[in-house]
């Protein structure tokens, strides 16, 4: 969508192109480790600010408790161990998809050694709530810092992620003095589950997409009593955060993204021809190459969910099918995950990976989460996922080396006129908060200093 068509915050919130329609159309044309310490967390919370006020009524906030029965876990193990395997791929690399050896190692560990209860205990160590917004239960984690002037921040995951992506950043952001920071670095954190994901309700009719979710997040922050706050996200979380920036709800000071939408219009146009324009800097050419590869080779999952999410019955019935579908998001994060099951973890352990997949399985959200792609395509105007949007409020960008594309600073400066922070990292894939929590936390502390 051309940013010049955005005339006011109200209209842009309805017209914003944060869907993957054009993104996927272009692709179809061939353009296309520190874990949260439960004891430390409990100690930190003993001096925290007031807990979330729980109330009744239509706008009430209710405590939420996680409880999966042993029978569900036994059924999961049975299904994993009963997997019917295909023959191995015909090639020596991952060009035909997730490799058989990787999946068999994953399944062997999942079915015999993995313990969901360990990951569940970490989830239970933080306070969970639900509140109904526009007829749907929205689940969220809400952790208040003990530091009086902490900055409220709403953090949004994407696909194939969940609230588990953010678990490692909660303690250092809310309790910075115990993690190399100062009281001035503190945040109050709100971490919601997207509609159809995790513990949030599953929409029964179309209409939940980045525009409606962004409005719901503003309602949530207002309902929690936050009059000034910031937003953060990657993947769909970036889409939601950028739409919030366009809608400019009262109190939103700025946003941070780890998957920025900065691709200039002339680059998107050139992608259709497959020929990069002359004069690209080294960083810009690197971004071009990453995008070109992803558009041509990495969009299979998105095309299907974009068009026919209900067809994915197999991943709702087979846990190994679900796992393969989820780890095949992009080639660099897949390679990092495959190395973890080869005994070479680099930020994510096998337990990390299986905690996230198991959450999808136990909540039966494989298909309901996929419908977000369909809804964005069918209920929002066309627009590339990485197209510049014309955001006018402050934006901070973290560019990780092995993201789908590493947004160049030159593009970020043009895309975000009020760019208040940019940091380029030499490592890190699509799951930045989960895989590189120390770098992620450091960036967030620095990014929002000027907005406190």
Protein backbone atom coordinates (compact mmCIF):
# COMPACT_ATOMS: atom_id res chain seq x y z
CA UNK A 1 0.00 0.00 0.00
CA UNK A 2 1.31 3.45 -0.88
CA UNK A 3 2.02 5.38 2.29
CA UNK A 4 0.82 8.58 0.65
CA UNK A 5 -2.70 7.17 0.80
CA UNK A 6 -2.59 7.26 4.58
CA UNK A 7 -4.31 10.48 5.54
CA UNK A 8 -5.23 9.99 9.16
CA UNK A 9 -4.82 7.46 11.95
CA UNK A 10 -8.44 6.33 11.90
CA UNK A 11 -8.53 5.63 8.20
CA UNK A 12 -5.12 3.98 8.10
CA UNK A 13 -6.10 1.61 10.84
CA UNK A 14 -8.75 0.26 8.52
CA UNK A 15 -6.76 0.44 5.29
CA UNK A 16 -3.32 -0.68 6.44
CA UNK A 17 -1.88 -3.43 4.32
CA UNK A 18 -0.57 -5.60 7.09
CA UNK A 19 -1.53 -8.78 5.45
CA UNK A 20 0.49 -11.17 3.42
CA UNK A 21 -1.60 -11.00 0.28
CA UNK A 22 0.71 -9.03 -1.97
CA UNK A 23 3.70 -10.58 -0.23
CA UNK A 24 2.49 -14.05 -1.14
CA UNK A 25 1.18 -13.06 -4.54
CA UNK A 26 4.65 -11.90 -5.46
CA UNK A 27 6.11 -15.12 -4.12
CA UNK A 28 3.65 -17.17 -6.14
CA UNK A 29 5.04 -15.40 -9.14
CA UNK A 30 8.43 -16.85 -8.20
CA UNK A 31 9.68 -13.53 -6.88
CA UNK A 32 9.25 -14.40 -4.46
CA UNK A 33 20.45 -19.21 26.98
CA UNK A 34 19.76 -18.18 30.11
CA UNK A 35 16.36 -19.56 31.03
CA UNK A 36 13.87 -17.95 33.40
CA UNK A 37 14.87 -18.94 36.94
CA UNK A 38 11.71 -19.78 38.84
CA UNK A 39 13.26 -19.16 42.23
CA UNK A 40 14.84 -15.87 41.14
CA UNK A 41 11.58 -14.81 39.56
CA UNK A 42 9.58 -15.52 42.70
CA UNK A 43 12.05 -13.57 44.79
CA UNK A 44 11.95 -10.65 42.38
CA UNK A 45 8.18 -10.57 42.45
CA UNK A 46 8.04 -10.45 46.23
CA UNK A 47 8.75 -6.74 46.02
CA UNK A 48 6.83 -6.07 42.84
CA UNK A 49 4.23 -3.40 42.28
CA UNK A 50 0.52 -4.01 42.66
CA UNK A 51 -0.79 -7.18 41.10
CA UNK A 52 -3.23 -7.09 38.21
CA UNK A 53 -6.63 -6.04 39.52
CA UNK A 54 -9.15 -8.79 38.78
CA UNK A 55 -12.68 -7.62 38.18
CA UNK A 56 -16.03 -8.97 37.04
CA UNK A 57 -18.44 -7.71 34.44
CA UNK A 58 -18.09 -7.61 30.65
CA UNK A 59 -14.72 -5.86 30.86
CA UNK A 60 -13.46 -7.96 33.72
CA UNK A 61 -9.97 -9.41 34.09
CA UNK A 62 -9.91 -12.97 35.40
CA UNK A 63 -7.00 -15.09 36.65
CA UNK A 64 -6.07 -17.95 34.34
CA UNK A 65 -4.54 -21.23 35.47
CA UNK A 66 -2.69 -23.73 33.28
CA UNK A 67 -3.64 -27.35 33.81
CA UNK A 68 -3.12 -30.12 31.26
CA UNK A 69 -4.05 -33.62 32.44
CA UNK A 70 -1.55 -36.49 32.35
CA UNK A 71 -3.83 -38.29 29.90
CA UNK A 72 -3.18 -35.59 27.29
CA UNK A 73 0.57 -36.05 27.65
CA UNK A 74 0.30 -39.82 27.47
CA UNK A 75 -1.76 -39.52 24.28
CA UNK A 76 0.85 -37.17 22.81
CA UNK A 77 3.69 -39.62 23.50
CA UNK A 78 1.67 -42.47 22.05
CA UNK A 79 1.03 -40.55 18.85
CA UNK A 80 4.68 -39.50 18.52
CA UNK A 81 5.94 -43.05 18.92
CA UNK A 82 3.32 -44.39 16.48
CA UNK A 83 4.38 -42.05 13.66
CA UNK A 84 4.35 -43.62 10.20
CA UNK A 85 7.48 -42.35 8.51
CA UNK A 86 8.01 -41.65 4.80
CA UNK A 87 11.24 -42.57 3.04
CA UNK A 88 14.11 -40.12 3.36
CA UNK A 89 14.51 -37.15 1.04
CA UNK A 90 16.22 -37.69 -2.31
CA UNK A 91 18.85 -34.99 -1.78
CA UNK A 92 21.62 -34.36 0.71
CA UNK A 93 20.32 -31.01 1.92
CA UNK A 94 17.04 -29.44 3.10
CA UNK A 95 15.93 -28.28 -0.35
CA UNK A 96 13.05 -30.79 -0.32
CA UNK A 97 11.96 -29.80 3.18
CA UNK A 98 12.58 -30.86 6.76
CA UNK A 99 14.93 -33.80 6.65
CA UNK A 100 13.95 -37.25 7.89
CA UNK A 101 16.96 -37.63 10.19
CA UNK A 102 16.13 -34.36 11.94
CA UNK A 103 12.51 -35.33 12.48
CA UNK A 104 13.38 -38.79 13.76
CA UNK A 105 15.80 -37.35 16.29
CA UNK A 106 13.15 -34.85 17.37
CA UNK A 107 10.50 -37.54 17.66
CA UNK A 108 12.77 -39.91 19.55
CA UNK A 109 13.51 -37.27 22.17
CA UNK A 110 9.91 -36.02 22.29
CA UNK A 111 8.46 -39.47 22.76
CA UNK A 112 10.93 -40.83 25.31
CA UNK A 113 12.81 -38.14 27.25
CA UNK A 114 11.13 -34.76 26.92
CA UNK A 115 9.24 -33.54 30.00
CA UNK A 116 6.49 -30.97 29.33
CA UNK A 117 6.02 -30.39 33.07
CA UNK A 118 9.38 -28.59 33.29
CA UNK A 119 8.31 -26.03 30.71
CA UNK A 120 4.85 -25.84 32.22
CA UNK A 121 6.39 -24.99 35.60
CA UNK A 122 8.10 -21.97 34.05
CA UNK A 123 4.81 -20.83 32.57
CA UNK A 124 3.07 -21.28 35.92
CA UNK A 125 5.72 -19.14 37.62
CA UNK A 126 4.28 -16.01 36.01
CA UNK A 127 0.77 -14.57 36.45
CA UNK A 128 -1.74 -15.30 33.70
CA UNK A 129 -5.07 -13.62 33.03
CA UNK A 130 -7.89 -13.52 30.51
CA UNK A 131 -10.26 -10.75 29.57
CA UNK A 132 -13.00 -10.62 26.96
CA UNK A 133 -12.50 -8.12 24.15
CA UNK A 134 -14.95 -7.88 21.26
CA UNK A 135 -16.52 -11.18 22.24
CA UNK A 136 -13.28 -13.18 22.45
CA UNK A 137 -11.27 -14.25 25.49
CA UNK A 138 -7.77 -12.80 25.26
CA UNK A 139 -5.13 -14.47 27.38
CA UNK A 140 -2.11 -12.56 28.59
CA UNK A 141 0.80 -12.66 30.99
CA UNK A 142 1.09 -9.53 33.12
CA UNK A 143 4.22 -8.96 35.20
CA UNK A 144 4.71 -5.68 36.98
CA UNK A 145 8.18 -4.52 37.96
CA UNK A 146 8.95 -3.61 41.55
CA UNK A 147 10.48 -0.38 40.24
CA UNK A 148 8.11 2.55 40.50
CA UNK A 149 8.84 4.25 37.19
CA UNK A 150 8.90 1.14 35.03
CA UNK A 151 7.73 1.63 31.43
CA UNK A 152 4.73 -0.51 30.42
CA UNK A 153 5.30 -2.54 27.26
CA UNK A 154 3.04 -4.94 25.34
CA UNK A 155 5.02 -7.65 23.53
CA UNK A 156 3.44 -9.70 20.73
CA UNK A 157 4.62 -13.03 19.34
CA UNK A 158 4.07 -14.37 15.83
CA UNK A 159 3.77 -17.70 14.00
CA UNK A 160 5.06 -20.31 14.68
CA UNK A 161 5.69 -18.72 18.04
CA UNK A 162 3.80 -18.21 21.27
CA UNK A 163 4.19 -16.63 24.68
CA UNK A 164 6.98 -19.16 25.24
CA UNK A 165 9.16 -16.99 22.97
CA UNK A 166 9.10 -14.23 25.58
CA UNK A 167 9.67 -16.23 28.76
CA UNK A 168 13.43 -15.60 28.89
CA UNK A 169 13.08 -11.81 28.72
CA UNK A 170 10.52 -11.37 31.52
CA UNK A 171 12.86 -11.47 34.49
CA UNK A 172 15.66 -9.23 33.09
CA UNK A 173 13.19 -6.64 31.82
CA UNK A 174 11.05 -6.46 34.96
CA UNK A 175 13.91 -6.92 37.42
CA UNK A 176 16.85 -5.23 35.70
CA UNK A 177 18.89 -4.54 38.82
CA UNK A 178 19.40 -8.30 39.21
CA UNK A 179 20.48 -8.61 35.57
CA UNK A 180 23.10 -5.98 34.89
CA UNK A 181 20.75 -3.02 34.54
CA UNK A 182 19.43 -0.20 36.67
CA UNK A 183 16.00 0.71 37.98
CA UNK A 184 15.72 3.13 35.04
CA UNK A 185 15.72 0.11 32.68
CA UNK A 186 12.61 -1.49 34.19
CA UNK A 187 9.48 -2.47 32.28
CA UNK A 188 6.02 -3.64 33.23
CA UNK A 189 5.28 -6.44 30.75
CA UNK A 190 2.04 -7.46 29.08
CA UNK A 191 2.45 -10.52 26.84
CA UNK A 192 -0.79 -11.60 25.13
CA UNK A 193 -1.54 -14.70 23.12
CA UNK A 194 -2.79 -13.83 19.64
CA UNK A 195 -6.42 -14.82 18.95
CA UNK A 196 -6.49 -18.48 17.98
CA UNK A 197 -3.10 -19.09 19.58
CA UNK A 198 -2.15 -20.58 22.92
CA UNK A 199 -4.64 -19.88 25.67
CA UNK A 200 -6.61 -17.14 23.88
CA UNK A 201 -10.02 -17.93 22.47
CA UNK A 202 -10.42 -19.28 18.96
CA UNK A 203 -12.41 -16.94 16.71
CA UNK A 204 -15.57 -18.58 15.35
CA UNK A 205 -15.96 -16.12 12.47
CA UNK A 206 -13.61 -14.06 10.30
CA UNK A 207 -12.46 -10.63 11.36
CA UNK A 208 -9.48 -11.14 13.66
CA UNK A 209 -6.44 -9.78 11.83
CA UNK A 210 -3.68 -7.25 12.61
CA UNK A 211 -6.08 -4.29 12.43
CA UNK A 212 -8.61 -5.73 14.89
CA UNK A 213 -5.88 -7.23 17.09
CA UNK A 214 -4.10 -3.87 17.31
CA UNK A 215 -7.33 -2.26 18.51
CA UNK A 216 -7.81 -5.06 21.04
CA UNK A 217 -4.29 -4.58 22.39
CA UNK A 218 -4.97 -0.87 22.91
CA UNK A 219 -8.15 -1.81 24.76
CA UNK A 220 -6.19 -4.27 26.88
CA UNK A 221 -3.59 -1.68 27.88
CA UNK A 222 -6.33 0.81 28.71
CA UNK A 223 -8.16 -1.83 30.74
CA UNK A 224 -4.97 -2.48 32.71
CA UNK A 225 -4.76 1.21 33.55
CA UNK A 226 -1.70 2.09 31.47
CA UNK A 227 -1.91 5.65 30.13
CA UNK A 228 1.57 5.62 28.54
CA UNK A 229 3.23 2.56 27.07
CA UNK A 230 5.27 1.12 24.20
CA UNK A 231 4.76 -1.93 21.94
CA UNK A 232 7.14 -4.58 20.64
CA UNK A 233 6.86 -7.41 18.15
CA UNK A 234 8.32 -9.58 15.41
CA UNK A 235 6.59 -11.58 12.67
CA UNK A 236 2.82 -11.05 13.18
CA UNK A 237 3.84 -9.18 16.33
CA UNK A 238 5.54 -6.62 14.11
CA UNK A 239 2.41 -6.33 11.99
CA UNK A 240 0.26 -5.75 15.06
CA UNK A 241 2.72 -3.27 16.58
CA UNK A 242 3.06 -1.30 13.34
CA UNK A 243 -0.72 -1.17 12.94
CA UNK A 244 -0.94 0.16 16.49
CA UNK A 245 1.57 2.84 15.48
CA UNK A 246 -0.67 3.78 12.56
CA UNK A 247 -3.81 3.79 14.68
CA UNK A 248 -2.01 5.89 17.33
CA UNK A 249 -4.16 4.92 20.32
CA UNK A 250 -3.91 7.32 23.27
CA UNK A 251 -0.81 6.58 25.30
CA UNK A 252 1.26 4.69 22.72
CA UNK A 253 4.69 6.35 22.79
CA UNK A 254 6.57 4.23 20.26
CA UNK A 255 7.31 0.73 19.04
CA UNK A 256 10.25 -1.65 18.69
CA UNK A 257 10.49 -4.30 16.00
CA UNK A 258 12.87 -7.17 15.36
CA UNK A 259 11.38 -7.85 11.92
CA UNK A 260 11.03 -4.41 10.43
CA UNK A 261 8.93 -3.49 7.40
CA UNK A 262 11.40 -1.31 5.50
CA UNK A 263 11.52 -2.59 1.91
CA UNK A 264 11.37 0.43 -0.44
CA UNK A 265 8.74 0.43 -3.18
CA UNK A 266 11.38 0.34 -5.90
CA UNK A 267 12.92 -2.78 -4.35
CA UNK A 268 9.55 -4.53 -4.17
CA UNK A 269 8.94 -3.65 -7.80
CA UNK A 270 12.37 -4.90 -8.84
CA UNK A 271 11.73 -8.18 -7.04
CA UNK A 272 9.08 -8.94 -9.65
CA UNK A 273 11.72 -8.93 -12.35
CA UNK A 274 14.32 -10.74 -10.28
CA UNK A 275 17.00 -8.17 -11.10
CA UNK A 276 18.39 -6.03 -8.27
CA UNK A 277 18.70 -2.33 -9.02
CA UNK A 278 22.15 -0.88 -9.39
CA UNK A 279 23.75 1.12 -6.62
CA UNK A 280 22.77 -1.09 -3.68
CA UNK A 281 25.11 -0.94 -0.70
CA UNK A 282 26.56 -4.16 0.71
CA UNK A 283 23.89 -4.26 3.43
CA UNK A 284 21.12 -3.56 0.93
CA UNK A 285 22.37 -6.25 -1.47
CA UNK A 286 22.52 -8.72 1.44
CA UNK A 287 18.91 -7.90 2.32
CA UNK A 288 17.92 -8.32 -1.35
CA UNK A 289 19.56 -11.75 -1.49
CA UNK A 290 17.82 -12.88 1.70
CA UNK A 291 14.41 -11.71 0.47
CA UNK A 292 14.92 -13.20 -2.97
CA UNK A 293 15.74 -16.60 -1.48
CA UNK A 294 12.82 -16.51 0.93
CA UNK A 295 10.31 -15.48 -1.71
CA UNK A 296 11.47 -18.24 -4.05
CA UNK A 297 12.13 -21.07 -1.61
CA UNK A 298 10.70 -20.33 1.81
CA UNK A 299 7.03 -19.48 1.51
CA UNK A 300 5.36 -22.87 1.17
CA UNK A 301 3.84 -22.80 4.67
CA UNK A 302 2.50 -19.28 4.27
CA UNK A 303 0.96 -19.90 0.87
CA UNK A 304 -1.09 -22.79 2.21
CA UNK A 305 -2.24 -20.99 5.36
CA UNK A 306 -2.91 -17.89 3.34
CA UNK A 307 -5.25 -19.79 1.03
CA UNK A 308 -6.52 -23.00 2.66
CA UNK A 309 -5.81 -23.20 6.41
CA UNK A 310 -8.73 -25.51 7.12
CA UNK A 311 -7.15 -28.16 4.92
CA UNK A 312 -4.38 -28.69 7.47
CA UNK A 313 -6.17 -31.49 9.35
CA UNK A 314 -3.00 -33.56 9.32
CA UNK A 315 -1.10 -31.23 11.64
CA UNK A 316 -4.02 -31.22 14.08
CA UNK A 317 -3.92 -35.04 14.18
CA UNK A 318 -0.19 -35.82 13.99
CA UNK A 319 2.21 -34.20 16.47
CA UNK A 320 5.21 -35.06 14.30
CA UNK A 321 3.45 -33.53 11.30
CA UNK A 322 2.81 -30.41 13.38
CA UNK A 323 6.45 -30.24 14.47
CA UNK A 324 7.74 -30.52 10.91
CA UNK A 325 5.32 -27.84 9.73
CA UNK A 326 6.37 -25.46 12.50
CA UNK A 327 10.14 -25.78 12.22
CA UNK A 328 10.05 -25.26 8.44
CA UNK A 329 9.43 -21.53 8.81
CA UNK A 330 12.61 -20.19 7.23
CA UNK A 331 15.82 -21.91 6.25
CA UNK A 332 18.16 -20.26 8.77
CA UNK A 333 16.01 -20.85 11.84
CA UNK A 334 15.36 -24.41 10.59
CA UNK A 335 19.10 -25.03 10.32
CA UNK A 336 19.62 -23.69 13.83
CA UNK A 337 16.85 -25.99 15.17
CA UNK A 338 18.28 -29.00 13.29
CA UNK A 339 21.68 -28.38 14.86
CA UNK A 340 20.04 -28.35 18.30
CA UNK A 341 18.80 -31.90 17.74
CA UNK A 342 22.29 -32.83 16.52
CA UNK A 343 23.62 -31.88 19.96
CA UNK A 344 24.81 -28.39 18.96
CA UNK A 345 22.30 -25.94 20.49
CA UNK A 346 22.84 -22.26 19.69
CA UNK A 347 20.36 -20.29 21.74
CA UNK A 348 17.50 -22.77 21.56
CA UNK A 349 17.66 -26.19 23.18
CA UNK A 350 15.56 -29.19 22.16
CA UNK A 351 13.42 -28.52 25.24
CA UNK A 352 12.85 -24.91 24.14
CA UNK A 353 11.71 -26.04 20.72
CA UNK A 354 9.46 -28.79 22.02
CA UNK A 355 7.92 -26.56 24.71
CA UNK A 356 6.58 -24.35 21.93
CA UNK A 357 5.40 -27.18 19.69
CA UNK A 358 3.82 -29.00 22.63
CA UNK A 359 1.88 -25.87 23.59
CA UNK A 360 0.39 -25.77 20.09
CA UNK A 361 -0.46 -29.47 20.36
CA UNK A 362 -2.04 -29.37 23.83
CA UNK A 363 -4.14 -26.30 22.99
CA UNK A 364 -5.10 -27.74 19.58
CA UNK A 365 -4.29 -24.44 17.87
CA UNK A 366 -2.54 -25.70 14.73
CA UNK A 367 -5.44 -24.75 12.47
CA UNK A 368 -6.91 -21.85 14.45
CA UNK A 369 -3.52 -20.10 14.44
CA UNK A 370 -3.15 -20.65 10.68
CA UNK A 371 -6.41 -18.82 10.01
CA UNK A 372 -4.72 -15.50 10.84
CA UNK A 373 -3.00 -15.73 7.45
CA UNK A 374 -6.30 -16.33 5.66
CA UNK A 375 -8.07 -13.53 7.52
CA UNK A 376 -5.36 -11.01 6.75
CA UNK A 377 -5.45 -11.89 3.08
CA UNK A 378 -9.22 -11.91 2.68
CA UNK A 379 -10.28 -9.10 4.99
CA UNK A 380 -7.61 -6.43 4.51
CA UNK A 381 -6.54 -4.57 1.37
CA UNK A 382 -3.51 -5.90 -0.53
CA UNK A 383 -0.07 -4.93 0.70
CA UNK A 384 3.36 -6.49 1.10
CA UNK A 385 4.28 -7.65 4.58
CA UNK A 386 7.58 -5.78 4.45
CA UNK A 387 6.28 -2.68 2.65
CA UNK A 388 6.88 0.73 4.19
CA UNK A 389 3.75 1.99 5.99
CA UNK A 390 4.31 5.64 6.78
CA UNK A 391 4.56 5.33 10.57
CA UNK A 392 4.86 8.72 12.19
CA UNK A 393 5.59 7.85 15.83
CA UNK A 394 9.02 6.82 17.19
CA UNK A 395 10.30 3.41 16.04
CA UNK A 396 13.27 1.32 17.22
CA UNK A 397 14.75 -1.48 15.11
CA UNK A 398 16.88 -4.50 15.99
CA UNK A 399 18.23 -6.20 12.86
CA UNK A 400 19.35 -9.76 13.53
CA UNK A 401 21.71 -11.38 11.04
CA UNK A 402 19.67 -14.45 10.14
CA UNK A 403 16.17 -13.01 10.22
CA UNK A 404 14.16 -13.48 7.01
CA UNK A 405 15.97 -10.33 5.96
CA UNK A 406 18.28 -8.09 7.95
CA UNK A 407 16.81 -4.63 7.50
CA UNK A 408 19.57 -2.21 6.43
CA UNK A 409 19.88 1.00 8.42
CA UNK A 410 19.51 3.01 5.19
CA UNK A 411 16.09 1.44 4.58
CA UNK A 412 15.03 1.81 8.22
CA UNK A 413 15.88 5.52 8.21
CA UNK A 414 13.66 6.07 5.18
CA UNK A 415 10.84 3.84 6.42
CA UNK A 416 10.66 5.35 9.89
CA UNK A 417 11.14 9.13 9.93
CA UNK A 418 11.31 9.02 13.72
CA UNK A 419 13.84 6.21 14.00
CA UNK A 420 15.13 6.47 17.56
CA UNK A 421 17.29 3.35 17.66
CA UNK A 422 18.91 0.91 15.25
CA UNK A 423 21.20 -1.98 16.07
CA UNK A 424 22.61 -4.54 13.65
CA UNK A 425 23.55 -7.91 15.13
CA UNK A 426 25.95 -10.46 13.67
CA UNK A 427 23.88 -13.40 14.90
CA UNK A 428 20.29 -14.31 15.70
CA UNK A 429 17.46 -15.78 13.64
CA UNK A 430 13.72 -15.17 13.43
CA UNK A 431 13.08 -15.88 17.13
CA UNK A 432 15.18 -13.10 18.64
CA UNK A 433 13.71 -12.81 22.15
CA UNK A 434 13.74 -16.59 22.54
CA UNK A 435 17.10 -17.33 20.96
CA UNK A 436 19.16 -14.23 21.86
CA UNK A 437 17.50 -12.88 25.04
CA UNK A 438 20.56 -10.98 26.28
CA UNK A 439 20.97 -9.04 23.04
CA UNK A 440 17.22 -8.51 22.85
CA UNK A 441 16.96 -7.17 26.40
CA UNK A 442 19.94 -4.88 25.91
CA UNK A 443 18.36 -3.43 22.78
CA UNK A 444 15.01 -2.81 24.46
CA UNK A 445 16.64 -1.03 27.38
CA UNK A 446 18.52 1.27 25.01
CA UNK A 447 15.73 1.66 22.47
CA UNK A 448 13.19 3.29 24.77
CA UNK A 449 15.44 5.41 27.00
CA UNK A 450 14.42 8.58 25.22
CA UNK A 451 10.69 7.83 25.67
CA UNK A 452 10.69 7.30 29.42
